[in-house]
Protein backbone atom coordinates (compact mmCIF):
# COMPACT_ATOMS: atom_id res chain seq x y z
CA MET A 1 -110.89 -57.76 16.66
CA ILE A 2 -114.50 -58.93 18.04
CA ALA A 3 -114.16 -60.72 21.03
CA SER A 4 -117.32 -62.79 21.01
CA PRO A 5 -118.53 -63.12 17.29
CA LYS A 6 -120.77 -65.46 15.43
CA VAL A 7 -118.81 -67.90 13.82
CA LEU A 8 -120.54 -68.35 10.70
CA ASP A 9 -120.37 -64.66 10.13
CA LEU A 10 -116.60 -64.98 10.06
CA LEU A 11 -116.89 -67.34 7.29
CA ASN A 12 -117.59 -67.01 3.37
CA THR A 13 -118.67 -69.48 0.74
CA ILE A 14 -114.99 -70.42 0.16
CA ASP A 15 -114.61 -71.57 4.00
CA ILE A 16 -117.53 -73.38 4.16
CA LEU A 17 -116.52 -75.05 1.23
CA VAL A 18 -113.22 -75.89 2.53
CA PHE A 19 -114.69 -77.33 5.74
CA ILE A 20 -117.26 -79.67 4.14
CA LEU A 21 -114.43 -81.06 1.59
CA ILE A 22 -112.11 -81.77 4.63
CA LEU A 23 -115.03 -83.15 6.40
CA LEU A 24 -115.98 -85.34 3.67
CA GLY A 25 -112.13 -86.30 3.35
CA THR A 26 -112.16 -87.82 6.60
CA ILE A 27 -115.29 -89.59 6.22
CA GLY A 28 -113.86 -91.25 3.03
CA PHE A 29 -110.59 -91.89 4.56
CA VAL A 30 -113.06 -93.86 7.29
CA ILE A 31 -114.90 -95.69 4.49
CA TYR A 32 -111.64 -96.83 2.99
CA GLY A 33 -110.14 -98.04 6.20
CA HIS A 34 -113.74 -100.08 6.40
CA THR A 35 -113.35 -101.71 3.07
CA LEU A 36 -109.73 -102.64 3.75
CA LYS A 37 -110.85 -104.30 6.79
CA LYS A 38 -113.35 -106.45 4.93
CA LYS A 39 -111.06 -107.45 2.30
CA LYS A 40 -108.40 -108.26 5.06
CA SER A 41 -111.15 -110.41 6.83
CA SER A 42 -114.50 -111.99 4.73
CA ASN A 43 -115.63 -114.43 7.28
CA GLU A 44 -115.49 -113.56 10.89
CA GLU A 45 -113.10 -111.11 12.04
CA SER A 46 -110.16 -111.84 14.25
CA ILE A 47 -109.81 -109.87 17.70
CA LEU A 48 -105.98 -109.25 16.52
CA ASP A 49 -106.82 -107.63 13.13
CA LEU A 50 -109.79 -105.66 14.94
CA MET A 51 -108.03 -104.18 17.52
CA LEU A 52 -104.21 -104.10 16.12
CA MET A 53 -105.05 -103.75 12.77
CA GLY A 54 -103.11 -107.22 12.43
CA ARG A 55 -99.97 -105.45 14.06
CA GLN A 56 -98.98 -103.84 10.20
CA LEU A 57 -97.97 -100.41 11.48
CA THR A 58 -94.90 -98.88 9.73
CA LEU A 59 -93.04 -95.76 11.02
CA PRO A 60 -94.90 -93.16 8.97
CA ILE A 61 -98.46 -94.60 9.76
CA PHE A 62 -97.65 -95.36 13.74
CA VAL A 63 -96.48 -91.72 13.50
CA MET A 64 -99.37 -90.30 12.08
CA THR A 65 -101.88 -92.16 14.04
CA LEU A 66 -100.37 -91.61 17.48
CA VAL A 67 -100.06 -87.94 17.14
CA ALA A 68 -103.56 -87.68 15.86
CA THR A 69 -104.71 -89.44 18.58
CA TRP A 70 -103.03 -88.09 21.27
CA TYR A 71 -104.12 -84.51 20.90
CA GLY A 72 -108.02 -84.38 21.20
CA GLY A 73 -107.96 -81.76 23.89
CA ILE A 74 -107.24 -78.86 22.14
CA PHE A 75 -110.13 -76.70 23.72
CA GLY A 76 -108.50 -77.57 27.04
CA VAL A 77 -104.80 -76.64 26.06
CA ALA A 78 -105.71 -73.53 24.59
CA GLU A 79 -107.70 -72.26 27.45
CA ILE A 80 -104.93 -72.84 29.93
CA ALA A 81 -102.45 -71.09 27.23
CA PHE A 82 -105.17 -68.08 27.13
CA ASN A 83 -105.46 -67.91 30.80
CA ASN A 84 -101.61 -68.85 31.81
CA GLY A 85 -99.52 -68.40 28.79
CA ILE A 86 -96.46 -70.15 28.98
CA PHE A 87 -97.03 -72.41 31.93
CA ASN A 88 -99.38 -74.58 29.35
CA PHE A 89 -96.09 -75.70 27.68
CA VAL A 90 -94.62 -76.69 30.70
CA SER A 91 -97.87 -78.33 32.16
CA GLN A 92 -99.20 -79.88 29.25
CA GLY A 93 -95.99 -79.94 27.18
CA VAL A 94 -92.76 -80.19 28.93
CA PHE A 95 -93.91 -83.05 31.33
CA TRP A 96 -95.36 -84.86 29.13
CA TYR A 97 -92.39 -84.98 26.44
CA ILE A 98 -90.44 -86.63 29.46
CA THR A 99 -92.82 -88.82 30.02
CA TYR A 100 -92.93 -90.33 26.19
CA ILE A 101 -88.95 -90.14 26.28
CA ILE A 102 -89.51 -92.73 29.30
CA PHE A 103 -91.60 -94.91 27.71
CA ALA A 104 -89.85 -95.05 24.29
CA LEU A 105 -86.34 -95.74 26.52
CA PHE A 106 -87.34 -98.20 29.14
CA LEU A 107 -90.93 -99.12 28.82
CA ILE A 108 -91.15 -100.42 25.01
CA ASP A 109 -88.10 -103.07 25.74
CA LYS A 110 -90.32 -104.30 28.93
CA ILE A 111 -93.29 -104.78 27.11
CA LYS A 112 -91.52 -106.97 23.98
CA ALA A 113 -91.48 -109.87 26.51
CA TYR A 114 -95.39 -109.94 26.68
CA ASN A 115 -97.75 -111.07 23.14
CA ALA A 116 -100.14 -108.77 24.66
CA VAL A 117 -103.07 -107.14 22.99
CA THR A 118 -104.13 -104.24 25.52
CA LEU A 119 -102.65 -103.24 28.60
CA PRO A 120 -105.41 -105.07 30.81
CA ASP A 121 -104.30 -108.04 29.01
CA LEU A 122 -100.56 -107.24 29.65
CA ILE A 123 -101.21 -106.49 33.52
CA GLN A 124 -103.03 -110.05 33.15
CA GLN A 125 -99.86 -111.81 32.65
CA MET A 126 -98.06 -109.71 34.65
CA PHE A 127 -99.92 -110.02 37.65
CA GLY A 128 -103.46 -112.25 37.38
CA THR A 129 -106.55 -112.68 35.96
CA LYS A 130 -108.27 -110.52 38.81
CA SER A 131 -105.73 -107.59 38.03
CA GLU A 132 -106.92 -107.68 34.49
CA LYS A 133 -110.71 -107.24 35.45
CA VAL A 134 -109.69 -104.24 38.16
CA SER A 135 -107.12 -102.53 35.60
CA ALA A 136 -109.80 -102.19 32.88
CA ILE A 137 -112.29 -100.66 35.21
CA TYR A 138 -109.83 -98.05 35.65
CA ASN A 139 -108.65 -98.12 31.73
CA ILE A 140 -112.17 -97.17 31.06
CA LEU A 141 -111.89 -94.12 33.38
CA ASN A 142 -109.45 -92.93 31.64
CA LEU A 143 -110.46 -93.90 28.07
CA VAL A 144 -114.29 -92.58 28.37
CA PRO A 145 -113.61 -89.53 26.38
CA VAL A 146 -115.20 -86.67 28.09
CA VAL A 147 -112.65 -84.35 27.29
CA TYR A 148 -113.03 -85.13 23.96
CA THR A 149 -117.01 -84.81 24.02
CA ILE A 150 -116.87 -81.45 25.59
CA SER A 151 -114.60 -80.23 23.16
CA LEU A 152 -116.79 -81.57 20.05
CA GLY A 153 -119.60 -79.62 21.75
CA LEU A 154 -117.73 -76.65 21.82
CA ILE A 155 -116.77 -76.32 18.66
CA ILE A 156 -120.65 -77.55 17.39
CA GLN A 157 -122.02 -74.57 19.80
CA MET A 158 -119.71 -72.15 18.22
CA LEU A 159 -120.95 -73.29 15.05
CA THR A 160 -124.54 -73.34 15.28
CA GLY A 161 -125.38 -71.48 18.62
CA LEU A 162 -126.99 -74.57 20.45
CA GLU A 163 -126.75 -75.20 23.91
CA LEU A 164 -123.75 -77.10 25.00
CA ASN A 165 -125.55 -80.41 26.35
CA LEU A 166 -127.62 -80.86 23.19
CA ALA A 167 -124.06 -79.82 21.20
CA ILE A 168 -122.61 -82.79 23.02
CA ILE A 169 -125.16 -85.30 22.52
CA ILE A 170 -125.28 -84.33 18.40
CA GLY A 171 -121.31 -84.86 18.36
CA VAL A 172 -120.99 -87.79 20.11
CA CYS A 173 -123.96 -89.73 18.29
CA PHE A 174 -122.14 -88.71 15.06
CA VAL A 175 -118.66 -89.99 15.92
CA CYS A 176 -120.32 -93.17 17.48
CA LEU A 177 -121.98 -93.71 14.17
CA TYR A 178 -118.87 -93.87 11.98
CA SER A 179 -116.70 -95.65 14.89
CA ILE A 180 -118.77 -98.63 15.59
CA PHE A 181 -118.05 -100.65 12.39
CA GLY A 182 -114.73 -99.88 11.50
CA GLY A 183 -112.38 -101.23 13.49
CA MET A 184 -108.73 -100.02 13.96
CA ARG A 185 -108.15 -99.62 10.36
CA ALA A 186 -110.62 -96.91 9.71
CA VAL A 187 -109.36 -95.18 13.25
CA VAL A 188 -106.07 -95.50 11.81
CA PHE A 189 -106.96 -94.03 8.28
CA SER A 190 -108.94 -91.26 9.15
CA ASP A 191 -106.00 -90.41 11.65
CA ILE A 192 -103.53 -90.16 8.39
CA PHE A 193 -106.00 -87.55 6.91
CA GLN A 194 -106.50 -85.55 10.07
CA PHE A 195 -102.69 -85.64 11.28
CA PHE A 196 -101.90 -83.25 8.42
CA VAL A 197 -104.89 -80.76 8.69
CA MET A 198 -104.11 -80.31 12.42
CA VAL A 199 -100.87 -79.90 12.65
CA LEU A 200 -100.89 -77.17 9.67
CA SER A 201 -103.87 -75.44 11.10
CA VAL A 202 -102.14 -74.48 14.38
CA ILE A 203 -98.77 -73.51 12.47
CA LEU A 204 -100.54 -71.45 10.20
CA VAL A 205 -101.88 -69.40 13.57
CA ALA A 206 -98.35 -68.93 14.67
CA PHE A 207 -97.09 -68.14 11.24
CA PHE A 208 -99.62 -65.48 10.70
CA SER A 209 -99.60 -64.01 14.20
CA ILE A 210 -95.77 -63.34 13.89
CA GLY A 211 -96.11 -61.96 10.38
CA SER A 212 -99.20 -59.25 11.18
CA PHE A 213 -98.29 -58.12 14.56
CA GLY A 214 -94.38 -59.30 15.67
CA PHE A 215 -93.52 -60.21 19.05
CA ALA A 216 -94.56 -56.78 20.78
CA PRO A 217 -98.41 -58.23 21.54
CA LEU A 218 -96.52 -60.48 23.94
CA PHE A 219 -94.42 -58.41 25.82
CA ASP A 220 -97.54 -56.39 26.76
CA LEU A 221 -99.22 -59.61 28.46
CA PRO A 222 -99.00 -59.54 32.37
CA PRO A 223 -95.36 -61.02 33.48
CA SER A 224 -96.69 -64.30 34.75
CA TYR A 225 -97.57 -65.20 31.23
CA LEU A 226 -93.90 -65.36 30.42
CA ASN A 227 -93.04 -67.27 33.98
CA PRO A 228 -92.86 -70.97 33.21
CA MET A 229 -94.56 -71.34 36.61
CA GLY A 230 -97.45 -69.08 35.71
CA THR A 231 -99.23 -68.12 39.09
CA PHE A 232 -98.95 -71.57 40.41
CA SER A 233 -97.60 -72.98 43.52
CA PHE A 234 -94.71 -75.64 42.80
CA GLY A 235 -96.46 -78.27 44.36
CA GLU A 236 -99.49 -77.73 42.10
CA VAL A 237 -97.43 -77.24 38.82
CA PHE A 238 -95.76 -80.91 39.85
CA ALA A 239 -98.88 -82.18 40.14
CA TRP A 240 -99.31 -81.69 36.69
CA GLY A 241 -95.93 -83.91 36.07
CA LEU A 242 -97.56 -86.50 38.35
CA ILE A 243 -100.25 -86.65 35.95
CA ALA A 244 -98.37 -86.67 32.87
CA LEU A 245 -96.78 -89.86 34.20
CA SER A 246 -100.18 -91.51 33.50
CA THR A 247 -98.78 -91.94 29.85
CA LEU A 248 -96.87 -94.74 31.07
CA VAL A 249 -100.17 -96.83 31.57
CA ASP A 250 -102.38 -94.88 29.10
CA PRO A 251 -104.09 -97.66 26.81
CA ASN A 252 -103.66 -95.89 23.79
CA PHE A 253 -99.99 -95.68 23.78
CA TYR A 254 -100.16 -99.36 24.29
CA GLN A 255 -102.26 -100.41 22.09
CA ARG A 256 -100.27 -98.04 19.31
CA SER A 257 -96.74 -99.92 20.52
CA PHE A 258 -98.68 -103.63 19.97
CA ALA A 259 -100.22 -102.41 16.77
CA ALA A 260 -96.32 -101.71 15.35
CA LYS A 261 -95.18 -104.10 12.83
CA ASP A 262 -92.29 -104.42 15.59
CA PHE A 263 -91.07 -102.66 18.69
CA THR A 264 -88.02 -100.90 17.17
CA THR A 265 -90.60 -98.86 15.05
CA ALA A 266 -92.80 -98.27 18.12
CA LYS A 267 -89.46 -96.69 19.59
CA LYS A 268 -88.56 -94.74 16.53
CA GLY A 269 -92.11 -93.61 16.16
CA ILE A 270 -92.14 -92.05 19.64
CA PHE A 271 -89.38 -90.12 19.30
CA ILE A 272 -90.32 -88.52 15.88
CA SER A 273 -94.16 -87.94 17.28
CA THR A 274 -92.49 -86.10 20.42
CA MET A 275 -90.78 -83.74 18.16
CA ILE A 276 -94.09 -83.02 15.95
CA TRP A 277 -95.74 -82.31 19.43
CA ILE A 278 -93.25 -79.83 20.46
CA VAL A 279 -93.78 -77.70 17.36
CA PHE A 280 -97.45 -78.41 17.81
CA ASP A 281 -97.75 -76.96 21.74
CA LEU A 282 -95.37 -74.36 20.92
CA CYS A 283 -97.60 -72.87 18.18
CA LEU A 284 -100.50 -73.46 19.82
CA THR A 285 -99.48 -71.68 23.05
CA VAL A 286 -98.21 -68.76 21.10
CA GLY A 287 -101.38 -68.33 18.94
CA ALA A 288 -103.44 -68.35 22.29
CA MET A 289 -101.29 -65.63 23.95
CA TYR A 290 -101.77 -63.27 20.94
CA ALA A 291 -105.11 -63.91 21.12
CA LYS A 292 -105.01 -62.74 24.99
CA ALA A 293 -102.65 -59.69 23.89
CA LEU A 294 -105.26 -58.88 21.24
CA ILE A 295 -109.00 -59.77 22.74
CA PRO A 296 -108.52 -60.24 26.08
CA GLU A 297 -112.12 -59.77 26.70
CA ALA A 298 -113.07 -63.03 24.89
CA PRO A 299 -114.22 -65.84 26.42
CA SER A 300 -111.28 -68.26 28.00
CA GLU A 301 -112.82 -71.06 26.52
CA HIS A 302 -113.33 -69.63 22.96
CA GLY A 303 -110.64 -66.93 22.88
CA TYR A 304 -107.92 -68.60 20.58
CA PHE A 305 -110.57 -70.02 17.76
CA TYR A 306 -112.23 -66.28 17.33
CA TYR A 307 -108.72 -64.80 17.18
CA ALA A 308 -107.82 -67.33 14.72
CA LEU A 309 -110.79 -67.18 12.76
CA GLN A 310 -110.37 -63.69 12.41
CA LEU A 311 -106.76 -63.53 11.51
CA LEU A 312 -106.58 -66.05 8.88
CA PRO A 313 -107.61 -64.81 5.25
CA HIS A 314 -110.56 -66.49 3.55
CA GLY A 315 -110.17 -69.95 2.50
CA LEU A 316 -107.83 -70.76 5.30
CA ARG A 317 -110.43 -70.09 8.05
CA GLY A 318 -112.28 -72.96 6.77
CA PHE A 319 -109.03 -75.14 6.83
CA PHE A 320 -108.41 -73.99 10.41
CA LEU A 321 -111.77 -74.94 11.83
CA ALA A 322 -111.71 -78.52 9.72
CA GLY A 323 -108.34 -78.86 11.38
CA ILE A 324 -109.94 -78.24 14.87
CA CYS A 325 -112.28 -80.59 13.88
CA ALA A 326 -109.79 -83.15 12.82
CA THR A 327 -108.00 -82.84 16.36
CA ILE A 328 -110.88 -83.63 17.95
CA LEU A 329 -112.46 -86.23 16.31
CA SER A 330 -109.19 -87.92 15.69
CA THR A 331 -108.78 -88.55 19.50
CA LEU A 332 -112.57 -89.14 20.12
CA ASP A 333 -112.94 -91.79 17.63
CA SER A 334 -109.96 -93.66 19.01
CA TYR A 335 -110.92 -93.26 22.85
CA ILE A 336 -114.38 -94.75 22.12
CA PHE A 337 -113.11 -97.45 20.16
CA LEU A 338 -110.39 -98.78 22.46
CA ALA A 339 -113.07 -98.10 25.43
CA GLY A 340 -115.73 -99.95 23.82
CA THR A 341 -112.98 -103.04 22.83
CA THR A 342 -111.90 -102.63 26.76
CA LEU A 343 -115.69 -103.57 27.88
CA SER A 344 -115.93 -106.24 25.21
CA PHE A 345 -112.43 -107.73 25.50
CA ASP A 346 -111.14 -107.18 29.32
CA LEU A 347 -114.31 -107.17 30.94
CA VAL A 348 -115.89 -110.35 29.55
CA ALA A 349 -115.23 -113.79 29.94
CA LYS A 350 -113.10 -115.52 27.66
CA LYS A 351 -115.36 -117.45 25.59
CA TYR A 352 -117.10 -114.18 24.61
CA LYS A 353 -113.71 -112.14 23.71
CA ASN A 354 -114.23 -112.45 20.01
CA LYS A 355 -117.84 -111.63 19.79
CA LEU A 356 -118.46 -108.25 17.63
CA SER A 357 -122.07 -107.94 18.82
CA LEU A 358 -120.22 -107.11 22.16
CA HIS A 359 -117.66 -104.88 20.53
CA TYR A 360 -120.41 -102.83 19.13
CA LEU A 361 -122.30 -102.84 22.36
CA GLY A 362 -119.24 -101.69 23.99
CA ILE A 363 -119.05 -98.54 21.61
CA ILE A 364 -122.35 -97.47 22.32
CA THR A 365 -122.00 -97.99 25.98
CA VAL A 366 -118.76 -96.12 26.35
CA ALA A 367 -120.95 -93.13 24.17
CA ILE A 368 -123.54 -92.84 26.18
CA LEU A 369 -121.35 -92.75 29.68
CA ALA A 370 -119.13 -89.87 27.67
CA ILE A 371 -122.64 -87.86 26.92
CA ILE A 372 -123.47 -88.63 30.90
CA LEU A 373 -120.00 -87.49 32.08
CA GLY A 374 -119.54 -84.89 29.94
CA LEU A 375 -122.98 -82.96 30.86
CA SER A 376 -121.70 -83.63 34.44
CA PHE A 377 -118.79 -81.61 34.33
CA ASP A 378 -120.48 -78.64 32.76
CA GLY A 379 -117.82 -78.06 30.03
CA ASN A 380 -114.64 -77.66 32.53
CA ILE A 381 -111.96 -79.66 30.60
CA LYS A 382 -109.43 -79.09 33.08
CA ALA A 383 -111.50 -80.43 35.83
CA VAL A 384 -112.13 -83.63 33.80
CA TRP A 385 -108.39 -84.24 33.16
CA LYS A 386 -107.46 -83.54 36.73
CA THR A 387 -109.97 -85.87 38.10
CA LEU A 388 -109.85 -88.80 35.90
CA GLY A 389 -106.09 -88.21 35.22
CA SER A 390 -104.93 -88.52 39.40
CA ILE A 391 -107.54 -91.81 39.74
CA SER A 392 -105.84 -93.35 36.71
CA SER A 393 -102.75 -92.50 37.85
CA SER A 394 -103.18 -93.07 41.45
CA ALA A 395 -104.36 -96.89 40.73
CA LEU A 396 -102.06 -98.15 38.42
CA LEU A 397 -98.79 -96.33 37.68
CA VAL A 398 -97.07 -97.62 41.04
CA PRO A 399 -97.92 -101.12 40.49
CA VAL A 400 -97.44 -101.69 36.94
CA ILE A 401 -93.65 -99.76 36.99
CA TYR A 402 -93.26 -101.98 40.36
CA GLY A 403 -94.03 -105.05 38.20
CA TYR A 404 -91.87 -103.81 35.37
CA LEU A 405 -88.82 -103.30 37.91
CA ARG A 406 -89.64 -106.13 39.91
CA PRO A 407 -91.47 -108.99 38.13
CA ASN A 408 -93.26 -111.80 39.55
CA SER A 409 -92.98 -110.30 43.12
CA LEU A 410 -96.56 -108.52 43.22
CA SER A 411 -99.30 -110.77 43.58
CA ASP A 412 -102.94 -110.62 41.87
CA ASN A 413 -104.25 -109.72 45.26
CA GLY A 414 -101.44 -107.33 46.04
CA PHE A 415 -102.02 -105.26 42.44
CA ILE A 416 -105.81 -105.05 43.78
CA LEU A 417 -105.11 -103.64 47.03
CA THR A 418 -102.40 -101.09 45.96
CA SER A 419 -104.58 -99.99 43.27
CA SER A 420 -107.69 -100.11 45.15
CA LEU A 421 -105.70 -97.31 48.18
CA GLY A 422 -104.59 -95.36 45.28
CA ALA A 423 -107.84 -95.05 43.78
CA ILE A 424 -110.01 -94.71 46.80
CA GLY A 425 -107.49 -92.19 48.40
CA THR A 426 -107.68 -89.88 45.45
CA ILE A 427 -111.40 -89.78 45.23
CA TYR A 428 -111.94 -89.42 49.14
CA TRP A 429 -109.33 -86.52 49.03
CA ARG A 430 -111.08 -84.90 46.61
CA LEU A 431 -114.85 -85.24 47.68
CA SER A 432 -114.09 -84.51 51.18
CA GLY A 433 -112.75 -80.95 50.70
CA MET A 434 -109.24 -81.80 52.47
CA LYS A 435 -107.55 -81.33 48.85
CA TYR A 436 -108.40 -77.53 49.65
CA THR A 437 -108.34 -77.85 53.53
CA TYR A 438 -104.68 -79.21 53.22
CA ASN A 439 -103.73 -77.30 49.67
CA LEU A 440 -102.28 -80.73 48.82
CA ASP A 441 -103.48 -82.22 45.40
CA GLU A 442 -105.22 -85.61 45.45
CA ILE A 443 -102.68 -87.23 43.13
CA TYR A 444 -99.91 -86.93 46.11
CA ILE A 445 -102.23 -89.01 48.21
CA GLY A 446 -103.08 -91.39 45.84
CA MET A 447 -99.35 -92.12 44.96
CA GLY A 448 -98.63 -92.00 48.55
CA LEU A 449 -101.13 -94.87 49.16
CA SER A 450 -100.22 -96.91 46.37
CA LEU A 451 -96.64 -97.14 47.49
CA ILE A 452 -98.03 -98.10 50.90
CA GLY A 453 -100.41 -100.47 49.14
CA ILE A 454 -96.78 -102.04 47.76
CA LEU A 455 -95.23 -102.12 51.45
CA ILE A 456 -98.40 -103.66 52.88
CA SER A 457 -98.30 -106.41 50.25
CA LYS A 458 -94.61 -107.27 50.50
CA LEU A 459 -94.72 -107.14 54.51
CA MET A 460 -97.68 -109.37 54.97
CA LYS A 461 -96.86 -111.32 51.84
CA VAL A 462 -100.43 -110.79 50.20
CA LYS A 463 -100.89 -113.52 47.82
């Protein structure tokens, strides 16, 4: 196999035709969802229909949109698996599955009491108006789709040979154009189509790998590839577990739960989605390990994809390529949509919350911010996850969970104090270089300061 082939040289006419047909299918579902939205509300659209599809998600649709939305960082996950093997399944899989189950078992019942539209809206009901605004800012940090912007740029770069920066700009502009008018219906209906393509794609690579080579290549890899800890210390591994807990304050999880027809549907849907994610992660990790074993000199960020495109027969190569695009697009459009609505719903005065023009402006603003940040990280997806994930977790996780456990015991200003200490501590620890001096991940500092903020708020009786 070739380590760094030109992607177009690996495709024939059938592959390109399959790829185009699936891309057109995605656009068709977006248009169909947009058409339904128009039929649903011929006059000024209600914010409930725009953001939550009228709380009508059934169990199958809930599962498909949640699975598709949650897995856009496939380039980052594949790179970690290519470089570290089974460690990927632990750091990007097991920790997250535990968090999903916690969300389903404990938080779904907690959020029933709030008739919320967004996570900041729920926080406003728990703590106060100032907390809503502050949490919206942290949510936007979590929602600006930098990882998925970089991922889409990488695949465009693979297809066209363009510079990564230009590929990122082209990709985000395309997604922004079809996301801006569709509302959640368009996002959800595109997810339904993309769900099947993305899941089948990674399963096919694992299936053909085992069928073609058996398991022997996996045992030729360095021993660390079969070690759940990889080459990392316990502290570094556990830091990923804390980042996974950010799911408990992830606005996409909340939005899908709020959009379900009832909370029983949301709870069952999360369990089913977790089972699908386990299969997806196993297949992706195994496929990337075969790639490392068979083309070890390939660039780590592209290795899995070069391997898959040479492994699969023609026709399926185009399907696989479309599946990777579907994986990225299904997350990127959801994040741009929700971040834009967070700007236009949670950060504006109440009288402006239903203004569609602000919704469109919010989406465009988020798209521009995603491009700027995507260019700033030079394509380093893992750095984005660790940086933005740590800030969001440190700022929101402790006060929100405390609010669930002890309702009405933390004031509006107490929330702001707690979240600010967590965020500032995380940023300072990383930028100052103390993370490397003391070999201690920034998320530990942020979480610790958040806990101190809770203690200060209680001792000083912050109103």
